[in-house]
Each structure stands twice: as C-alpha cells, then as structure tokens.
Protein backbone atom coordinates (compact mmCIF):
# COMPACT_ATOMS: atom_id res chain seq x y z
CA MET A 1 52.31 -10.90 -25.26
CA LEU A 2 51.61 -9.20 -28.38
CA LYS A 3 53.69 -11.31 -32.05
CA TYR A 4 54.84 -9.61 -35.51
CA LYS A 5 57.32 -10.86 -37.59
CA GLY A 6 58.91 -12.89 -35.38
CA TYR A 7 59.40 -10.41 -32.83
CA GLU A 8 57.80 -10.02 -29.43
CA CYS A 9 56.32 -7.52 -27.01
CA ASP A 10 55.05 -7.47 -23.51
CA TYR A 11 53.33 -4.12 -22.48
CA GLN A 12 51.52 -2.59 -19.61
CA TYR A 13 48.97 0.31 -18.54
CA ASP A 14 49.95 3.60 -17.24
CA GLU A 15 47.58 4.88 -15.00
CA GLU A 16 49.20 8.47 -13.89
CA ASP A 17 49.47 9.02 -17.49
CA LEU A 18 46.61 7.24 -19.00
CA ILE A 19 48.34 5.35 -22.19
CA TRP A 20 49.52 1.59 -22.89
CA TYR A 21 52.90 0.97 -23.60
CA GLY A 22 55.60 -1.48 -24.68
CA LYS A 23 59.29 -1.82 -26.17
CA ILE A 24 60.12 -4.62 -28.68
CA ASP A 25 61.50 -8.00 -26.39
CA GLY A 26 64.98 -9.90 -27.92
CA ILE A 27 66.70 -7.40 -29.39
CA CYS A 28 69.75 -5.41 -28.40
CA ASP A 29 68.11 -2.06 -29.36
CA LEU A 30 65.40 -0.12 -27.72
CA VAL A 31 62.53 0.12 -29.38
CA ASN A 32 59.28 1.17 -27.69
CA PHE A 33 56.00 2.25 -28.62
CA GLU A 34 52.29 3.87 -26.62
CA SER A 35 48.57 3.83 -27.29
CA GLU A 36 46.07 5.87 -25.70
CA THR A 37 43.66 3.02 -26.25
CA TYR A 38 43.90 -0.71 -25.61
CA CYS A 39 42.73 -1.44 -29.42
CA GLY A 40 45.58 0.81 -30.69
CA LEU A 41 47.75 -1.01 -29.12
CA GLU A 42 49.07 -4.00 -31.47
CA ASP A 43 48.93 -1.51 -34.46
CA GLU A 44 51.58 0.60 -32.65
CA PHE A 45 53.56 -2.38 -31.83
CA HIS A 46 53.60 -3.01 -35.20
CA LYS A 47 54.46 -0.12 -36.77
CA ALA A 48 57.62 -0.14 -33.91
CA VAL A 49 58.50 -3.09 -35.74
CA ASP A 50 58.11 -2.12 -39.50
CA ASP A 51 60.09 1.30 -38.15
CA TYR A 52 62.83 -0.92 -36.85
CA LEU A 53 63.56 -2.71 -39.60
CA GLU A 54 63.11 0.27 -42.67
CA PHE A 55 65.71 1.72 -39.92
CA CYS A 56 68.08 -1.23 -39.63
CA GLU A 57 67.75 -1.26 -43.22
CA GLU A 58 68.28 2.38 -44.20
CA VAL A 59 71.71 2.46 -41.90
CA GLY A 60 73.20 -0.74 -43.08
CA LYS A 61 73.04 -2.44 -39.58
CA GLU A 62 71.98 -6.08 -39.43
CA THR A 63 68.04 -6.67 -37.29
CA ASP A 64 68.57 -8.13 -34.34
CA ASN A 65 66.39 -11.48 -35.18
CA PRO A 66 64.38 -12.57 -32.45
CA PRO A 67 65.13 -13.63 -29.50
CA PHE A 68 68.16 -11.54 -28.93
CA THR A 69 70.82 -13.87 -27.17
CA LEU A 70 74.64 -12.51 -26.42
CA PRO A 71 77.45 -14.45 -28.17
CA MET A 72 79.62 -16.94 -25.72
CA GLY A 73 81.77 -14.36 -24.21
CA GLY A 74 79.76 -11.53 -24.13
CA ILE A 75 79.64 -8.05 -26.39
C-alpha cells in the first residue's frame, strides 16, 4: 500500500501487459495510474493524487477527503 497526502492505494502487476497499476482508494471518483516499472509506481501515484487535487480545484469540486464514506442514508 502506498500513501501520499492522506490518500492511499493498493497496486497490482499485470503480467499480460507488463505494467504496474493502481487506483486511489477511499474517494468517490475513479483516479487510476500505471507504470512500466515498480520503481516508477510511487511517483505515478503521487502524480495521480496531485492531478486529482488540481483538477478538483480547477472545476470547483470539493475533493473527497480520504477515506471516503457514504453519508447516512447513502447518496
């Protein structure tokens, strides 16, 4: 598990495509990332988090503060 700015992710290796990949856990939005090398995986995760935060700021969307939980009664 990787952690950055309060966000976390799990990651996996795809033997068919020969890439490492993951997605940011604990948020409502789908933000994923990939790397051809294990060494580059953490950097790509950091970029994904930074891009997510920047995008939310640009469009005026409130970020999901990790970990995301559904409000009482669902969405």
